[in-house]
Amino acid sequence: MSQVVQAYMEQEWNYYDMNLAKALEAVEQDDLEHASMYFQRISWALHSLAKHDYGNSNKSSISKV
């Protein structure tokens, strides 16, 4: 994995962490509108990270029996 991709992934994890903290704080304050916004940002970050997870790119999460 290139250094550029590693730096990008680190930035995305930081974005994930920041938004998770804000989402949990919003939930504690019963501000569900803002919590929803932060959880949506978290899903975008996870989607972005999944695109760069080369270790799982060819694996299926469901095993055939």
C-alpha atoms as a PDB file:
ATOM      1  CA  MET A   1       0.000   0.000   0.000  1.00  0.00           C
ATOM      2  CA  SER A   2       1.420   3.363  -0.985  1.00  0.00           C
ATOM      3  CA  GLN A   3       2.187   6.099   1.504  1.00  0.00           C
ATOM      4  CA  VAL A   4      -0.467   8.301  -0.087  1.00  0.00           C
ATOM      5  CA  VAL A   5      -3.151   5.659   0.470  1.00  0.00           C
ATOM      6  CA  GLN A   6      -1.943   5.068   4.032  1.00  0.00           C
ATOM      7  CA  ALA A   7      -2.105   8.804   4.779  1.00  0.00           C
ATOM      8  CA  TYR A   8      -5.584   8.977   3.250  1.00  0.00           C
ATOM      9  CA  MET A   9      -6.778   6.028   5.333  1.00  0.00           C
ATOM     10  CA  GLU A  10      -5.350   7.567   8.505  1.00  0.00           C
ATOM     11  CA  GLN A  11      -7.186  10.802   7.692  1.00  0.00           C
ATOM     12  CA  GLU A  12     -10.435   8.869   7.156  1.00  0.00           C
ATOM     13  CA  TRP A  13     -10.030   7.043  10.500  1.00  0.00           C
ATOM     14  CA  ASN A  14      -9.494  10.401  12.219  1.00  0.00           C
ATOM     15  CA  TYR A  15     -12.656  11.700  10.508  1.00  0.00           C
ATOM     16  CA  TYR A  16     -14.488   8.573  11.698  1.00  0.00           C
ATOM     17  CA  ASP A  17     -13.287   9.033  15.295  1.00  0.00           C
ATOM     18  CA  MET A  18     -14.198  12.721  15.382  1.00  0.00           C
ATOM     19  CA  ASN A  19     -17.694  12.123  14.018  1.00  0.00           C
ATOM     20  CA  LEU A  20     -18.293   9.166  16.329  1.00  0.00           C
ATOM     21  CA  ALA A  21     -17.471  11.332  19.338  1.00  0.00           C
ATOM     22  CA  LYS A  22     -19.793  14.071  18.084  1.00  0.00           C
ATOM     23  CA  ALA A  23     -22.574  11.574  17.315  1.00  0.00           C
ATOM     24  CA  LEU A  24     -22.419  10.051  20.782  1.00  0.00           C
ATOM     25  CA  GLU A  25     -22.399  13.494  22.378  1.00  0.00           C
ATOM     26  CA  ALA A  26     -25.444  14.493  20.311  1.00  0.00           C
ATOM     27  CA  VAL A  27     -27.271  11.306  21.370  1.00  0.00           C
ATOM     28  CA  GLU A  28     -26.514  12.047  25.025  1.00  0.00           C
ATOM     29  CA  GLN A  29     -27.983  15.523  24.541  1.00  0.00           C
ATOM     30  CA  ASP A  30     -31.057  14.041  22.828  1.00  0.00           C
ATOM     31  CA  ASP A  31     -30.176  15.923  19.628  1.00  0.00           C
ATOM     32  CA  LEU A  32     -31.084  13.161  17.217  1.00  0.00           C
ATOM     33  CA  GLU A  33     -31.044  15.376  14.130  1.00  0.00           C
ATOM     34  CA  HIS A  34     -27.349  16.154  14.557  1.00  0.00           C
ATOM     35  CA  ALA A  35     -26.599  12.598  15.682  1.00  0.00           C
ATOM     36  CA  SER A  36     -28.104  11.318  12.436  1.00  0.00           C
ATOM     37  CA  MET A  37     -25.904  13.693  10.444  1.00  0.00           C
ATOM     38  CA  TYR A  38     -22.764  12.483  12.240  1.00  0.00           C
ATOM     39  CA  PHE A  39     -23.711   8.821  11.796  1.00  0.00           C
ATOM     40  CA  GLN A  40     -24.187   9.465   8.066  1.00  0.00           C
ATOM     41  CA  ARG A  41     -20.677  10.934   7.924  1.00  0.00           C
ATOM     42  CA  ILE A  42     -19.400   7.835   9.728  1.00  0.00           C
ATOM     43  CA  SER A  43     -21.003   5.597   7.102  1.00  0.00           C
ATOM     44  CA  TRP A  44     -19.355   7.638   4.335  1.00  0.00           C
ATOM     45  CA  ALA A  45     -15.962   7.269   6.030  1.00  0.00           C
ATOM     46  CA  LEU A  46     -16.418   3.511   6.445  1.00  0.00           C
ATOM     47  CA  HIS A  47     -17.498   3.174   2.812  1.00  0.00           C
ATOM     48  CA  SER A  48     -14.408   5.090   1.731  1.00  0.00           C
ATOM     49  CA  LEU A  49     -12.159   2.945   3.929  1.00  0.00           C
ATOM     50  CA  ALA A  50     -13.716  -0.251   2.577  1.00  0.00           C
ATOM     51  CA  LYS A  51     -12.720   0.739  -0.962  1.00  0.00           C
ATOM     52  CA  HIS A  52      -9.072   0.752   0.133  1.00  0.00           C
ATOM     53  CA  ASP A  53      -9.129  -2.461   2.183  1.00  0.00           C
ATOM     54  CA  TYR A  54      -7.257  -4.581  -0.343  1.00  0.00           C
ATOM     55  CA  GLY A  55      -7.001  -7.529   2.035  1.00  0.00           C
ATOM     56  CA  ASN A  56     -10.734  -8.211   1.777  1.00  0.00           C
ATOM     57  CA  SER A  57     -11.381  -7.116  -1.800  1.00  0.00           C
ATOM     58  CA  ASN A  58     -11.719 -10.632  -3.240  1.00  0.00           C
ATOM     59  CA  LYS A  59     -13.269 -12.367  -0.249  1.00  0.00           C
ATOM     60  CA  SER A  60     -16.942 -12.977   0.214  1.00  0.00           C
ATOM     61  CA  SER A  61     -18.440 -12.474   3.647  1.00  0.00           C
ATOM     62  CA  ILE A  62     -20.701 -15.475   3.054  1.00  0.00           C
ATOM     63  CA  SER A  63     -19.103 -18.891   2.827  1.00  0.00           C
ATOM     64  CA  LYS A  64     -20.574 -21.503   0.537  1.00  0.00           C
ATOM     65  CA  VAL A  65     -21.552 -24.751   2.231  1.00  0.00           C
END
